[in-house]
PDB file of N, CA and C in Angstrom:
ATOM      1  N   UNK A   1     -82.590  16.233   0.880  1.00  0.00           N
ATOM      2  CA  UNK A   1     -81.641  15.125   0.926  1.00  0.00           C
ATOM      3  C   UNK A   1     -80.514  15.461   1.903  1.00  0.00           C
ATOM      4  N   UNK A   2     -80.221  14.575   2.805  1.00  0.00           N
ATOM      5  CA  UNK A   2     -79.176  14.788   3.810  1.00  0.00           C
ATOM      6  C   UNK A   2     -77.799  14.696   3.166  1.00  0.00           C
ATOM      7  N   UNK A   3     -76.898  15.525   3.657  1.00  0.00           N
ATOM      8  CA  UNK A   3     -75.522  15.514   3.158  1.00  0.00           C
ATOM      9  C   UNK A   3     -74.769  14.317   3.741  1.00  0.00           C
ATOM     10  N   UNK A   4     -74.015  13.628   2.902  1.00  0.00           N
ATOM     11  CA  UNK A   4     -73.187  12.499   3.351  1.00  0.00           C
ATOM     12  C   UNK A   4     -72.000  13.051   4.134  1.00  0.00           C
ATOM     13  N   UNK A   5     -71.899  12.722   5.417  1.00  0.00           N
ATOM     14  CA  UNK A   5     -70.826  13.232   6.278  1.00  0.00           C
ATOM     15  C   UNK A   5     -69.443  12.781   5.827  1.00  0.00           C
ATOM     16  N   UNK A   6     -69.364  11.763   4.973  1.00  0.00           N
ATOM     17  CA  UNK A   6     -68.074  11.245   4.515  1.00  0.00           C
ATOM     18  C   UNK A   6     -67.570  11.925   3.251  1.00  0.00           C
ATOM     19  N   UNK A   7     -68.353  12.842   2.707  1.00  0.00           N
ATOM     20  CA  UNK A   7     -67.984  13.534   1.472  1.00  0.00           C
ATOM     21  C   UNK A   7     -67.743  15.010   1.779  1.00  0.00           C
ATOM     22  N   UNK A   8     -66.624  15.537   1.293  1.00  0.00           N
ATOM     23  CA  UNK A   8     -66.345  16.957   1.440  1.00  0.00           C
ATOM     24  C   UNK A   8     -67.046  17.727   0.322  1.00  0.00           C
ATOM     25  N   UNK A   9     -67.895  18.682   0.655  1.00  0.00           N
ATOM     26  CA  UNK A   9     -68.548  19.472  -0.390  1.00  0.00           C
ATOM     27  C   UNK A   9     -67.579  20.411  -1.104  1.00  0.00           C
ATOM     28  N   UNK A  10     -66.381  20.592  -0.545  1.00  0.00           N
ATOM     29  CA  UNK A  10     -65.378  21.470  -1.157  1.00  0.00           C
ATOM     30  C   UNK A  10     -64.193  20.677  -1.708  1.00  0.00           C
ATOM     31  N   UNK A  11     -64.309  19.353  -1.712  1.00  0.00           N
ATOM     32  CA  UNK A  11     -63.280  18.453  -2.272  1.00  0.00           C
ATOM     33  C   UNK A  11     -61.923  18.549  -1.576  1.00  0.00           C
ATOM     34  N   UNK A  12     -61.924  18.818  -0.277  1.00  0.00           N
ATOM     35  CA  UNK A  12     -60.694  18.810   0.514  1.00  0.00           C
ATOM     36  C   UNK A  12     -60.876  17.870   1.698  1.00  0.00           C
ATOM     37  N   UNK A  13     -59.782  17.172   2.031  1.00  0.00           N
ATOM     38  CA  UNK A  13     -59.757  16.250   3.168  1.00  0.00           C
ATOM     39  C   UNK A  13     -58.484  16.500   3.956  1.00  0.00           C
ATOM     40  N   UNK A  14     -58.560  16.303   5.255  1.00  0.00           N
ATOM     41  CA  UNK A  14     -57.377  16.390   6.103  1.00  0.00           C
ATOM     42  C   UNK A  14     -57.031  14.964   6.522  1.00  0.00           C
ATOM     43  N   UNK A  15     -55.752  14.633   6.349  1.00  0.00           N
ATOM     44  CA  UNK A  15     -55.291  13.273   6.638  1.00  0.00           C
ATOM     45  C   UNK A  15     -54.046  13.340   7.504  1.00  0.00           C
ATOM     46  N   UNK A  16     -53.925  12.404   8.422  1.00  0.00           N
ATOM     47  CA  UNK A  16     -52.710  12.263   9.223  1.00  0.00           C
ATOM     48  C   UNK A  16     -52.158  10.868   8.999  1.00  0.00           C
ATOM     49  N   UNK A  17     -50.830  10.799   8.972  1.00  0.00           N
ATOM     50  CA  UNK A  17     -50.193   9.492   8.796  1.00  0.00           C
ATOM     51  C   UNK A  17     -49.027   9.356   9.759  1.00  0.00           C
ATOM     52  N   UNK A  18     -48.698   8.107  10.087  1.00  0.00           N
ATOM     53  CA  UNK A  18     -47.644   7.802  11.048  1.00  0.00           C
ATOM     54  C   UNK A  18     -46.450   7.188  10.330  1.00  0.00           C
ATOM     55  N   UNK A  19     -45.258   7.741  10.612  1.00  0.00           N
ATOM     56  CA  UNK A  19     -44.010   7.172  10.108  1.00  0.00           C
ATOM     57  C   UNK A  19     -43.069   6.969  11.289  1.00  0.00           C
ATOM     58  N   UNK A  20     -42.192   5.976  11.176  1.00  0.00           N
ATOM     59  CA  UNK A  20     -41.215   5.727  12.244  1.00  0.00           C
ATOM     60  C   UNK A  20     -39.821   5.688  11.637  1.00  0.00           C
ATOM     61  N   UNK A  21     -38.846   6.094  12.442  1.00  0.00           N
ATOM     62  CA  UNK A  21     -37.461   6.194  11.998  1.00  0.00           C
ATOM     63  C   UNK A  21     -36.738   4.888  12.276  1.00  0.00           C
ATOM     64  N   UNK A  22     -36.035   4.362  11.257  1.00  0.00           N
ATOM     65  CA  UNK A  22     -35.291   3.114  11.428  1.00  0.00           C
ATOM     66  C   UNK A  22     -33.885   3.241  10.868  1.00  0.00           C
ATOM     67  N   UNK A  23     -32.972   2.523  11.490  1.00  0.00           N
ATOM     68  CA  UNK A  23     -31.671   2.266  10.883  1.00  0.00           C
ATOM     69  C   UNK A  23     -31.866   0.993  10.071  1.00  0.00           C
ATOM     70  N   UNK A  24     -31.630   1.072   8.792  1.00  0.00           N
ATOM     71  CA  UNK A  24     -31.998  -0.009   7.879  1.00  0.00           C
ATOM     72  C   UNK A  24     -31.421  -1.357   8.287  1.00  0.00           C
ATOM     73  N   UNK A  25     -30.204  -1.385   8.793  1.00  0.00           N
ATOM     74  CA  UNK A  25     -29.562  -2.660   9.115  1.00  0.00           C
ATOM     75  C   UNK A  25     -29.843  -3.163  10.532  1.00  0.00           C
ATOM     76  N   UNK A  26     -30.699  -2.470  11.270  1.00  0.00           N
ATOM     77  CA  UNK A  26     -31.026  -2.891  12.632  1.00  0.00           C
ATOM     78  C   UNK A  26     -31.906  -4.141  12.578  1.00  0.00           C
ATOM     79  N   UNK A  27     -31.478  -5.248  13.192  1.00  0.00           N
ATOM     80  CA  UNK A  27     -32.264  -6.484  13.129  1.00  0.00           C
ATOM     81  C   UNK A  27     -33.584  -6.412  13.910  1.00  0.00           C
ATOM     82  N   UNK A  28     -33.758  -5.387  14.722  1.00  0.00           N
ATOM     83  CA  UNK A  28     -34.971  -5.276  15.548  1.00  0.00           C
ATOM     84  C   UNK A  28     -36.064  -4.405  14.923  1.00  0.00           C
ATOM     85  N   UNK A  29     -35.914  -4.027  13.667  1.00  0.00           N
ATOM     86  CA  UNK A  29     -36.862  -3.112  13.035  1.00  0.00           C
ATOM     87  C   UNK A  29     -38.303  -3.612  13.013  1.00  0.00           C
ATOM     88  N   UNK A  30     -38.506  -4.910  13.046  1.00  0.00           N
ATOM     89  CA  UNK A  30     -39.867  -5.453  13.005  1.00  0.00           C
ATOM     90  C   UNK A  30     -40.304  -6.037  14.347  1.00  0.00           C
ATOM     91  N   UNK A  31     -39.502  -5.805  15.387  1.00  0.00           N
ATOM     92  CA  UNK A  31     -39.841  -6.282  16.729  1.00  0.00           C
ATOM     93  C   UNK A  31     -40.955  -5.400  17.298  1.00  0.00           C
ATOM     94  N   UNK A  32     -42.136  -5.948  17.571  1.00  0.00           N
ATOM     95  CA  UNK A  32     -43.243  -5.132  18.061  1.00  0.00           C
ATOM     96  C   UNK A  32     -42.989  -4.496  19.432  1.00  0.00           C
ATOM     97  N   UNK A  33     -41.980  -4.972  20.157  1.00  0.00           N
ATOM     98  CA  UNK A  33     -41.654  -4.409  21.466  1.00  0.00           C
ATOM     99  C   UNK A  33     -40.559  -3.345  21.380  1.00  0.00           C
ATOM    100  N   UNK A  34     -39.960  -3.169  20.220  1.00  0.00           N
ATOM    101  CA  UNK A  34     -38.877  -2.193  20.034  1.00  0.00           C
ATOM    102  C   UNK A  34     -39.451  -0.770  20.079  1.00  0.00           C
ATOM    103  N   UNK A  35     -38.636   0.180  20.556  1.00  0.00           N
ATOM    104  CA  UNK A  35     -39.037   1.591  20.629  1.00  0.00           C
ATOM    105  C   UNK A  35     -38.498   2.325  19.403  1.00  0.00           C
ATOM    106  N   UNK A  36     -39.320   3.221  18.831  1.00  0.00           N
ATOM    107  CA  UNK A  36     -38.935   3.986  17.650  1.00  0.00           C
ATOM    108  C   UNK A  36     -39.339   5.443  17.811  1.00  0.00           C
ATOM    109  N   UNK A  37     -38.521   6.341  17.288  1.00  0.00           N
ATOM    110  CA  UNK A  37     -38.939   7.725  17.119  1.00  0.00           C
ATOM    111  C   UNK A  37     -39.995   7.711  16.020  1.00  0.00           C
ATOM    112  N   UNK A  38     -41.070   8.455  16.213  1.00  0.00           N
ATOM    113  CA  UNK A  38     -42.105   8.490  15.185  1.00  0.00           C
ATOM    114  C   UNK A  38     -42.635   9.911  15.026  1.00  0.00           C
ATOM    115  N   UNK A  39     -43.193  10.157  13.862  1.00  0.00           N
ATOM    116  CA  UNK A  39     -43.839  11.429  13.563  1.00  0.00           C
ATOM    117  C   UNK A  39     -45.236  11.131  13.054  1.00  0.00           C
ATOM    118  N   UNK A  40     -46.187  11.937  13.478  1.00  0.00           N
ATOM    119  CA  UNK A  40     -47.508  11.919  12.867  1.00  0.00           C
ATOM    120  C   UNK A  40     -47.642  13.229  12.103  1.00  0.00           C
ATOM    121  N   UNK A  41     -47.704  13.141  10.796  1.00  0.00           N
ATOM    122  CA  UNK A  41     -47.800  14.313   9.933  1.00  0.00           C
ATOM    123  C   UNK A  41     -49.237  14.483   9.466  1.00  0.00           C
ATOM    124  N   UNK A  42     -49.685  15.731   9.412  1.00  0.00           N
ATOM    125  CA  UNK A  42     -51.040  16.033   8.975  1.00  0.00           C
ATOM    126  C   UNK A  42     -50.975  16.879   7.714  1.00  0.00           C
ATOM    127  N   UNK A  43     -51.730  16.461   6.706  1.00  0.00           N
ATOM    128  CA  UNK A  43     -51.717  17.111   5.396  1.00  0.00           C
ATOM    129  C   UNK A  43     -53.156  17.339   4.936  1.00  0.00           C
ATOM    130  N   UNK A  44     -53.313  18.147   3.896  1.00  0.00           N
ATOM    131  CA  UNK A  44     -54.608  18.236   3.238  1.00  0.00           C
ATOM    132  C   UNK A  44     -54.444  17.710   1.820  1.00  0.00           C
ATOM    133  N   UNK A  45     -55.485  17.070   1.326  1.00  0.00           N
ATOM    134  CA  UNK A  45     -55.481  16.554  -0.045  1.00  0.00           C
ATOM    135  C   UNK A  45     -56.796  16.928  -0.713  1.00  0.00           C
ATOM    136  N   UNK A  46     -56.706  17.217  -2.009  1.00  0.00           N
ATOM    137  CA  UNK A  46     -57.906  17.486  -2.798  1.00  0.00           C
ATOM    138  C   UNK A  46     -58.372  16.164  -3.384  1.00  0.00           C
ATOM    139  N   UNK A  47     -59.631  15.824  -3.144  1.00  0.00           N
ATOM    140  CA  UNK A  47     -60.178  14.555  -3.628  1.00  0.00           C
ATOM    141  C   UNK A  47     -61.697  14.656  -3.699  1.00  0.00           C
ATOM    142  N   UNK A  48     -62.288  13.787  -4.501  1.00  0.00           N
ATOM    143  CA  UNK A  48     -63.743  13.811  -4.655  1.00  0.00           C
ATOM    144  C   UNK A  48     -64.462  12.908  -3.662  1.00  0.00           C
ATOM    145  N   UNK A  49     -63.705  12.016  -3.002  1.00  0.00           N
ATOM    146  CA  UNK A  49     -64.333  11.141  -2.012  1.00  0.00           C
ATOM    147  C   UNK A  49     -63.279  10.620  -1.039  1.00  0.00           C
ATOM    148  N   UNK A  50     -63.741   9.948  -0.002  1.00  0.00           N
ATOM    149  CA  UNK A  50     -62.870   9.456   1.062  1.00  0.00           C
ATOM    150  C   UNK A  50     -61.836   8.454   0.550  1.00  0.00           C
ATOM    151  N   UNK A  51     -62.239   7.578  -0.360  1.00  0.00           N
ATOM    152  CA  UNK A  51     -61.303   6.582  -0.893  1.00  0.00           C
ATOM    153  C   UNK A  51     -60.168   7.234  -1.675  1.00  0.00           C
ATOM    154  N   UNK A  52     -60.508   8.211  -2.506  1.00  0.00           N
ATOM    155  CA  UNK A  52     -59.476   8.917  -3.265  1.00  0.00           C
ATOM    156  C   UNK A  52     -58.549   9.676  -2.316  1.00  0.00           C
ATOM    157  N   UNK A  53     -59.116  10.292  -1.290  1.00  0.00           N
ATOM    158  CA  UNK A  53     -58.308  11.020  -0.307  1.00  0.00           C
ATOM    159  C   UNK A  53     -57.357  10.075   0.420  1.00  0.00           C
ATOM    160  N   UNK A  54     -57.843   8.906   0.778  1.00  0.00           N
ATOM    161  CA  UNK A  54     -57.018   7.896   1.455  1.00  0.00           C
ATOM    162  C   UNK A  54     -55.841   7.497   0.565  1.00  0.00           C
ATOM    163  N   UNK A  55     -56.126   7.200  -0.689  1.00  0.00           N
ATOM    164  CA  UNK A  55     -55.070   6.799  -1.623  1.00  0.00           C
ATOM    165  C   UNK A  55     -54.047   7.914  -1.833  1.00  0.00           C
ATOM    166  N   UNK A  56     -54.520   9.156  -1.958  1.00  0.00           N
ATOM    167  CA  UNK A  56     -53.598  10.278  -2.143  1.00  0.00           C
ATOM    168  C   UNK A  56     -52.728  10.489  -0.905  1.00  0.00           C
ATOM    169  N   UNK A  57     -53.315  10.345   0.266  1.00  0.00           N
ATOM    170  CA  UNK A  57     -52.549  10.514   1.502  1.00  0.00           C
ATOM    171  C   UNK A  57     -51.444   9.464   1.592  1.00  0.00           C
ATOM    172  N   UNK A  58     -51.750   8.231   1.228  1.00  0.00           N
ATOM    173  CA  UNK A  58     -50.726   7.183   1.237  1.00  0.00           C
ATOM    174  C   UNK A  58     -49.620   7.516   0.248  1.00  0.00           C
ATOM    175  N   UNK A  59     -49.989   7.950  -0.940  1.00  0.00           N
ATOM    176  CA  UNK A  59     -48.987   8.296  -1.962  1.00  0.00           C
ATOM    177  C   UNK A  59     -48.054   9.402  -1.453  1.00  0.00           C
ATOM    178  N   UNK A  60     -48.627  10.424  -0.852  1.00  0.00           N
ATOM    179  CA  UNK A  60     -47.820  11.530  -0.316  1.00  0.00           C
ATOM    180  C   UNK A  60     -46.927  11.036   0.814  1.00  0.00           C
ATOM    181  N   UNK A  61     -47.469  10.223   1.704  1.00  0.00           N
ATOM    182  CA  UNK A  61     -46.687   9.701   2.831  1.00  0.00           C
ATOM    183  C   UNK A  61     -45.511   8.869   2.339  1.00  0.00           C
ATOM    184  N   UNK A  62     -45.737   8.054   1.329  1.00  0.00           N
ATOM    185  CA  UNK A  62     -44.665   7.187   0.828  1.00  0.00           C
ATOM    186  C   UNK A  62     -43.521   7.979   0.204  1.00  0.00           C
ATOM    187  N   UNK A  63     -43.791   9.218  -0.210  1.00  0.00           N
ATOM    188  CA  UNK A  63     -42.729  10.070  -0.752  1.00  0.00           C
ATOM    189  C   UNK A  63     -41.703  10.436   0.314  1.00  0.00           C
ATOM    190  N   UNK A  64     -42.040  10.255   1.587  1.00  0.00           N
ATOM    191  CA  UNK A  64     -41.129  10.603   2.686  1.00  0.00           C
ATOM    192  C   UNK A  64     -40.277   9.421   3.127  1.00  0.00           C
ATOM    193  N   UNK A  65     -40.386   8.290   2.441  1.00  0.00           N
ATOM    194  CA  UNK A  65     -39.768   7.064   2.952  1.00  0.00           C
ATOM    195  C   UNK A  65     -38.555   6.589   2.161  1.00  0.00           C
ATOM    196  N   UNK A  66     -37.976   7.442   1.346  1.00  0.00           N
ATOM    197  CA  UNK A  66     -36.774   7.040   0.611  1.00  0.00           C
ATOM    198  C   UNK A  66     -35.608   6.870   1.587  1.00  0.00           C
ATOM    199  N   UNK A  67     -34.861   5.779   1.482  1.00  0.00           N
ATOM    200  CA  UNK A  67     -33.682   5.603   2.344  1.00  0.00           C
ATOM    201  C   UNK A  67     -32.635   6.680   2.058  1.00  0.00           C
ATOM    202  N   UNK A  68     -31.849   6.998   3.077  1.00  0.00           N
ATOM    203  CA  UNK A  68     -30.745   7.946   2.904  1.00  0.00           C
ATOM    204  C   UNK A  68     -29.676   7.641   3.936  1.00  0.00           C
ATOM    205  N   UNK A  69     -28.547   8.310   3.808  1.00  0.00           N
ATOM    206  CA  UNK A  69     -27.444   8.136   4.754  1.00  0.00           C
ATOM    207  C   UNK A  69     -27.541   9.240   5.792  1.00  0.00           C
ATOM    208  N   UNK A  70     -27.667   8.856   7.065  1.00  0.00           N
ATOM    209  CA  UNK A  70     -27.875   9.832   8.120  1.00  0.00           C
ATOM    210  C   UNK A  70     -26.731   9.901   9.105  1.00  0.00           C
ATOM    211  N   UNK A  71     -26.571  11.081   9.693  1.00  0.00           N
ATOM    212  CA  UNK A  71     -25.579  11.275  10.740  1.00  0.00           C
ATOM    213  C   UNK A  71     -24.159  11.332  10.230  1.00  0.00           C
ATOM    214  N   UNK A  72     -23.223  11.618  11.146  1.00  0.00           N
ATOM    215  CA  UNK A  72     -21.815  11.755  10.759  1.00  0.00           C
ATOM    216  C   UNK A  72     -21.205  10.448  10.252  1.00  0.00           C
ATOM    217  N   UNK A  73     -21.798   9.313  10.631  1.00  0.00           N
ATOM    218  CA  UNK A  73     -21.275   8.020  10.177  1.00  0.00           C
ATOM    219  C   UNK A  73     -21.939   7.534   8.896  1.00  0.00           C
ATOM    220  N   UNK A  74     -22.802   8.352   8.316  1.00  0.00           N
ATOM    221  CA  UNK A  74     -23.517   7.994   7.084  1.00  0.00           C
ATOM    222  C   UNK A  74     -24.210   6.632   7.219  1.00  0.00           C
ATOM    223  N   UNK A  75     -24.960   6.487   8.295  1.00  0.00           N
ATOM    224  CA  UNK A  75     -25.700   5.250   8.558  1.00  0.00           C
ATOM    225  C   UNK A  75     -26.912   5.168   7.631  1.00  0.00           C
ATOM    226  N   UNK A  76     -27.140   4.021   6.976  1.00  0.00           N
ATOM    227  CA  UNK A  76     -28.345   3.880   6.151  1.00  0.00           C
ATOM    228  C   UNK A  76     -29.597   3.915   7.041  1.00  0.00           C
ATOM    229  N   UNK A  77     -30.469   4.887   6.779  1.00  0.00           N
ATOM    230  CA  UNK A  77     -31.677   5.080   7.580  1.00  0.00           C
ATOM    231  C   UNK A  77     -32.889   5.252   6.665  1.00  0.00           C
ATOM    232  N   UNK A  78     -34.058   5.137   7.279  1.00  0.00           N
ATOM    233  CA  UNK A  78     -35.283   5.281   6.497  1.00  0.00           C
ATOM    234  C   UNK A  78     -36.458   5.548   7.425  1.00  0.00           C
ATOM    235  N   UNK A  79     -37.362   6.421   6.986  1.00  0.00           N
ATOM    236  CA  UNK A  79     -38.648   6.586   7.642  1.00  0.00           C
ATOM    237  C   UNK A  79     -39.577   5.542   7.054  1.00  0.00           C
ATOM    238  N   UNK A  80     -40.223   4.759   7.900  1.00  0.00           N
ATOM    239  CA  UNK A  80     -41.109   3.683   7.466  1.00  0.00           C
ATOM    240  C   UNK A  80     -42.559   4.132   7.667  1.00  0.00           C
ATOM    241  N   UNK A  81     -43.341   4.045   6.619  1.00  0.00           N
ATOM    242  CA  UNK A  81     -44.761   4.393   6.671  1.00  0.00           C
ATOM    243  C   UNK A  81     -45.521   3.296   7.405  1.00  0.00           C
ATOM    244  N   UNK A  82     -46.221   3.683   8.469  1.00  0.00           N
ATOM    245  CA  UNK A  82     -47.012   2.723   9.240  1.00  0.00           C
ATOM    246  C   UNK A  82     -48.480   2.726   8.830  1.00  0.00           C
ATOM    247  N   UNK A  83     -48.994   3.879   8.447  1.00  0.00           N
ATOM    248  CA  UNK A  83     -50.386   3.913   8.010  1.00  0.00           C
ATOM    249  C   UNK A  83     -51.050   5.250   8.277  1.00  0.00           C
ATOM    250  N   UNK A  84     -52.311   5.325   7.869  1.00  0.00           N
ATOM    251  CA  UNK A  84     -53.130   6.523   8.047  1.00  0.00           C
ATOM    252  C   UNK A  84     -53.754   6.466   9.442  1.00  0.00           C
ATOM    253  N   UNK A  85     -53.663   7.573  10.177  1.00  0.00           N
ATOM    254  CA  UNK A  85     -54.214   7.617  11.530  1.00  0.00           C
ATOM    255  C   UNK A  85     -55.512   8.415  11.618  1.00  0.00           C
ATOM    256  N   UNK A  86     -55.745   9.288  10.652  1.00  0.00           N
ATOM    257  CA  UNK A  86     -56.945  10.129  10.673  1.00  0.00           C
ATOM    258  C   UNK A  86     -57.269  10.538   9.245  1.00  0.00           C
ATOM    259  N   UNK A  87     -58.547  10.590   8.923  1.00  0.00           N
ATOM    260  CA  UNK A  87     -58.981  11.063   7.607  1.00  0.00           C
ATOM    261  C   UNK A  87     -60.357  11.688   7.768  1.00  0.00           C
ATOM    262  N   UNK A  88     -60.421  12.994   7.550  1.00  0.00           N
ATOM    263  CA  UNK A  88     -61.663  13.728   7.767  1.00  0.00           C
ATOM    264  C   UNK A  88     -61.984  14.608   6.569  1.00  0.00           C
ATOM    265  N   UNK A  89     -63.245  14.664   6.163  1.00  0.00           N
ATOM    266  CA  UNK A  89     -63.639  15.616   5.132  1.00  0.00           C
ATOM    267  C   UNK A  89     -63.590  17.035   5.700  1.00  0.00           C
ATOM    268  N   UNK A  90     -63.221  17.980   4.873  1.00  0.00           N
ATOM    269  CA  UNK A  90     -63.311  19.396   5.229  1.00  0.00           C
ATOM    270  C   UNK A  90     -64.625  19.889   4.638  1.00  0.00           C
ATOM    271  N   UNK A  91     -65.443  20.535   5.445  1.00  0.00           N
ATOM    272  CA  UNK A  91     -66.782  20.924   5.012  1.00  0.00           C
ATOM    273  C   UNK A  91     -66.879  22.373   4.552  1.00  0.00           C
ATOM    274  N   UNK A  92     -65.831  23.164   4.791  1.00  0.00           N
ATOM    275  CA  UNK A  92     -65.882  24.586   4.457  1.00  0.00           C
ATOM    276  C   UNK A  92     -64.758  24.930   3.493  1.00  0.00           C
ATOM    277  N   UNK A  93     -64.958  26.003   2.707  1.00  0.00           N
ATOM    278  CA  UNK A  93     -63.879  26.510   1.861  1.00  0.00           C
ATOM    279  C   UNK A  93     -62.697  26.880   2.751  1.00  0.00           C
ATOM    280  N   UNK A  94     -61.482  26.649   2.261  1.00  0.00           N
ATOM    281  CA  UNK A  94     -60.292  26.996   3.034  1.00  0.00           C
ATOM    282  C   UNK A  94     -60.160  28.513   3.103  1.00  0.00           C
ATOM    283  N   UNK A  95     -60.117  29.023   4.308  1.00  0.00           N
ATOM    284  CA  UNK A  95     -60.008  30.451   4.557  1.00  0.00           C
ATOM    285  C   UNK A  95     -59.701  30.624   6.040  1.00  0.00           C
ATOM    286  N   UNK A  96     -59.341  31.830   6.448  1.00  0.00           N
ATOM    287  CA  UNK A  96     -59.120  32.080   7.868  1.00  0.00           C
ATOM    288  C   UNK A  96     -60.339  31.623   8.660  1.00  0.00           C
ATOM    289  N   UNK A  97     -60.098  30.817   9.663  1.00  0.00           N
ATOM    290  CA  UNK A  97     -61.165  30.374  10.543  1.00  0.00           C
ATOM    291  C   UNK A  97     -61.945  29.163  10.065  1.00  0.00           C
ATOM    292  N   UNK A  98     -61.630  28.642   8.880  1.00  0.00           N
ATOM    293  CA  UNK A  98     -62.339  27.448   8.403  1.00  0.00           C
ATOM    294  C   UNK A  98     -61.974  26.259   9.287  1.00  0.00           C
ATOM    295  N   UNK A  99     -62.970  25.530   9.713  1.00  0.00           N
ATOM    296  CA  UNK A  99     -62.726  24.344  10.536  1.00  0.00           C
ATOM    297  C   UNK A  99     -62.277  23.203   9.630  1.00  0.00           C
ATOM    298  N   UNK A 100     -61.104  22.639   9.942  1.00  0.00           N
ATOM    299  CA  UNK A 100     -60.608  21.532   9.125  1.00  0.00           C
ATOM    300  C   UNK A 100     -60.465  20.239   9.915  1.00  0.00           C
ATOM    301  N   UNK A 101     -60.422  20.322  11.231  1.00  0.00           N
ATOM    302  CA  UNK A 101     -60.296  19.122  12.064  1.00  0.00           C
ATOM    303  C   UNK A 101     -61.132  19.303  13.317  1.00  0.00           C
ATOM    304  N   UNK A 102     -61.529  18.204  13.868  1.00  0.00           N
ATOM    305  CA  UNK A 102     -62.246  18.227  15.139  1.00  0.00           C
ATOM    306  C   UNK A 102     -62.027  16.900  15.833  1.00  0.00           C
ATOM    307  N   UNK A 103     -62.272  16.909  17.097  1.00  0.00           N
ATOM    308  CA  UNK A 103     -62.192  15.673  17.875  1.00  0.00           C
ATOM    309  C   UNK A 103     -63.263  15.743  18.955  1.00  0.00           C
ATOM    310  N   UNK A 104     -63.957  14.660  19.151  1.00  0.00           N
ATOM    311  CA  UNK A 104     -64.968  14.574  20.202  1.00  0.00           C
ATOM    312  C   UNK A 104     -64.371  13.760  21.336  1.00  0.00           C
ATOM    313  N   UNK A 105     -64.492  14.283  22.559  1.00  0.00           N
ATOM    314  CA  UNK A 105     -63.922  13.625  23.727  1.00  0.00           C
ATOM    315  C   UNK A 105     -65.022  13.197  24.687  1.00  0.00           C
ATOM    316  N   UNK A 106     -64.753  12.159  25.436  1.00  0.00           N
ATOM    317  CA  UNK A 106     -65.667  11.739  26.493  1.00  0.00           C
ATOM    318  C   UNK A 106     -65.624  12.799  27.598  1.00  0.00           C
ATOM    319  N   UNK A 107     -66.621  12.864  28.464  1.00  0.00           N
ATOM    320  CA  UNK A 107     -66.595  13.841  29.548  1.00  0.00           C
ATOM    321  C   UNK A 107     -65.339  13.671  30.418  1.00  0.00           C
ATOM    322  N   UNK A 108     -64.730  14.816  30.752  1.00  0.00           N
ATOM    323  CA  UNK A 108     -63.536  14.823  31.602  1.00  0.00           C
ATOM    324  C   UNK A 108     -63.643  15.944  32.618  1.00  0.00           C
ATOM    325  N   UNK A 109     -62.897  15.821  33.684  1.00  0.00           N
ATOM    326  CA  UNK A 109     -62.873  16.858  34.710  1.00  0.00           C
ATOM    327  C   UNK A 109     -62.273  18.136  34.134  1.00  0.00           C
ATOM    328  N   UNK A 110     -62.751  19.282  34.643  1.00  0.00           N
ATOM    329  CA  UNK A 110     -62.269  20.575  34.193  1.00  0.00           C
ATOM    330  C   UNK A 110     -60.758  20.673  34.309  1.00  0.00           C
ATOM    331  N   UNK A 111     -60.184  20.208  35.417  1.00  0.00           N
ATOM    332  CA  UNK A 111     -58.735  20.314  35.605  1.00  0.00           C
ATOM    333  C   UNK A 111     -57.988  19.553  34.511  1.00  0.00           C
ATOM    334  N   UNK A 112     -58.556  18.450  34.026  1.00  0.00           N
ATOM    335  CA  UNK A 112     -57.914  17.690  32.954  1.00  0.00           C
ATOM    336  C   UNK A 112     -58.093  18.367  31.601  1.00  0.00           C
ATOM    337  N   UNK A 113     -59.244  18.988  31.388  1.00  0.00           N
ATOM    338  CA  UNK A 113     -59.445  19.762  30.164  1.00  0.00           C
ATOM    339  C   UNK A 113     -58.433  20.903  30.090  1.00  0.00           C
ATOM    340  N   UNK A 114     -58.233  21.581  31.209  1.00  0.00           N
ATOM    341  CA  UNK A 114     -57.335  22.728  31.231  1.00  0.00           C
ATOM    342  C   UNK A 114     -55.885  22.332  31.013  1.00  0.00           C
ATOM    343  N   UNK A 115     -55.518  21.104  31.338  1.00  0.00           N
ATOM    344  CA  UNK A 115     -54.152  20.620  31.087  1.00  0.00           C
ATOM    345  C   UNK A 115     -53.891  20.420  29.594  1.00  0.00           C
ATOM    346  N   UNK A 116     -54.948  20.302  28.829  1.00  0.00           N
ATOM    347  CA  UNK A 116     -54.818  20.029  27.400  1.00  0.00           C
ATOM    348  C   UNK A 116     -54.399  21.266  26.600  1.00  0.00           C
ATOM    349  N   UNK A 117     -54.714  22.450  27.087  1.00  0.00           N
ATOM    350  CA  UNK A 117     -54.397  23.676  26.350  1.00  0.00           C
ATOM    351  C   UNK A 117     -52.997  24.164  26.691  1.00  0.00           C
ATOM    352  N   UNK A 118     -52.405  24.893  25.731  1.00  0.00           N
ATOM    353  CA  UNK A 118     -51.026  25.359  25.900  1.00  0.00           C
ATOM    354  C   UNK A 118     -50.951  26.865  25.691  1.00  0.00           C
ATOM    355  N   UNK A 119     -49.939  27.467  26.267  1.00  0.00           N
ATOM    356  CA  UNK A 119     -49.693  28.899  26.117  1.00  0.00           C
ATOM    357  C   UNK A 119     -48.991  29.169  24.786  1.00  0.00           C
ATOM    358  N   UNK A 120     -49.068  30.410  24.334  1.00  0.00           N
ATOM    359  CA  UNK A 120     -48.495  30.817  23.053  1.00  0.00           C
ATOM    360  C   UNK A 120     -47.038  30.381  22.888  1.00  0.00           C
ATOM    361  N   UNK A 121     -46.206  30.628  23.893  1.00  0.00           N
ATOM    362  CA  UNK A 121     -44.770  30.323  23.768  1.00  0.00           C
ATOM    363  C   UNK A 121     -44.486  28.827  23.743  1.00  0.00           C
ATOM    364  N   UNK A 122     -45.434  27.996  24.098  1.00  0.00           N
ATOM    365  CA  UNK A 122     -45.229  26.545  24.082  1.00  0.00           C
ATOM    366  C   UNK A 122     -45.311  25.961  22.671  1.00  0.00           C
ATOM    367  N   UNK A 123     -45.737  26.762  21.705  1.00  0.00           N
ATOM    368  CA  UNK A 123     -45.841  26.270  20.334  1.00  0.00           C
ATOM    369  C   UNK A 123     -44.560  26.479  19.537  1.00  0.00           C
ATOM    370  N   UNK A 124     -43.643  27.250  20.065  1.00  0.00           N
ATOM    371  CA  UNK A 124     -42.390  27.495  19.333  1.00  0.00           C
ATOM    372  C   UNK A 124     -41.532  26.245  19.341  1.00  0.00           C
ATOM    373  N   UNK A 125     -40.896  25.973  18.220  1.00  0.00           N
ATOM    374  CA  UNK A 125     -40.094  24.756  18.070  1.00  0.00           C
ATOM    375  C   UNK A 125     -38.626  25.018  18.307  1.00  0.00           C
TER     376      UNK A 125
END
C-alpha cells in the first residue's frame, strides 16, 4: 500500500503563516494597494492529519494578533493574521539532519541558483 504524501507518519507538520503590522486606527488598513510590514513565521505542529495541522497552525498564529500599545506614543497597533502560506507533512522523526521542509524549483541558470545561497555571517540578525 502506497503511503499518503499528505499524512505525516510521525505526526508532525511544518506550517508557515503570514501576518502584517497595522496601526489600528489607520483608515487604509484594508486598502489592497497599501504597503505593510509583514512577517512569515514558520512553526511545527503535532497533528494526525493535514486538516488538524491547518487548524492548529491558525490557532497558534491568532495568538500573535492581540492588540497592544506600540512605540513611544503608545499607538494602538496589531499584527493581523492573513493566512497559511505553507503546510507540509514531516516524514522523519525530529533529529539532527531530519528533513522538515523542501521546495521544488523550475530549472534556472547556475548563476541564479548561486545567488540564492548565503554565507554564514549573513544569517546573523
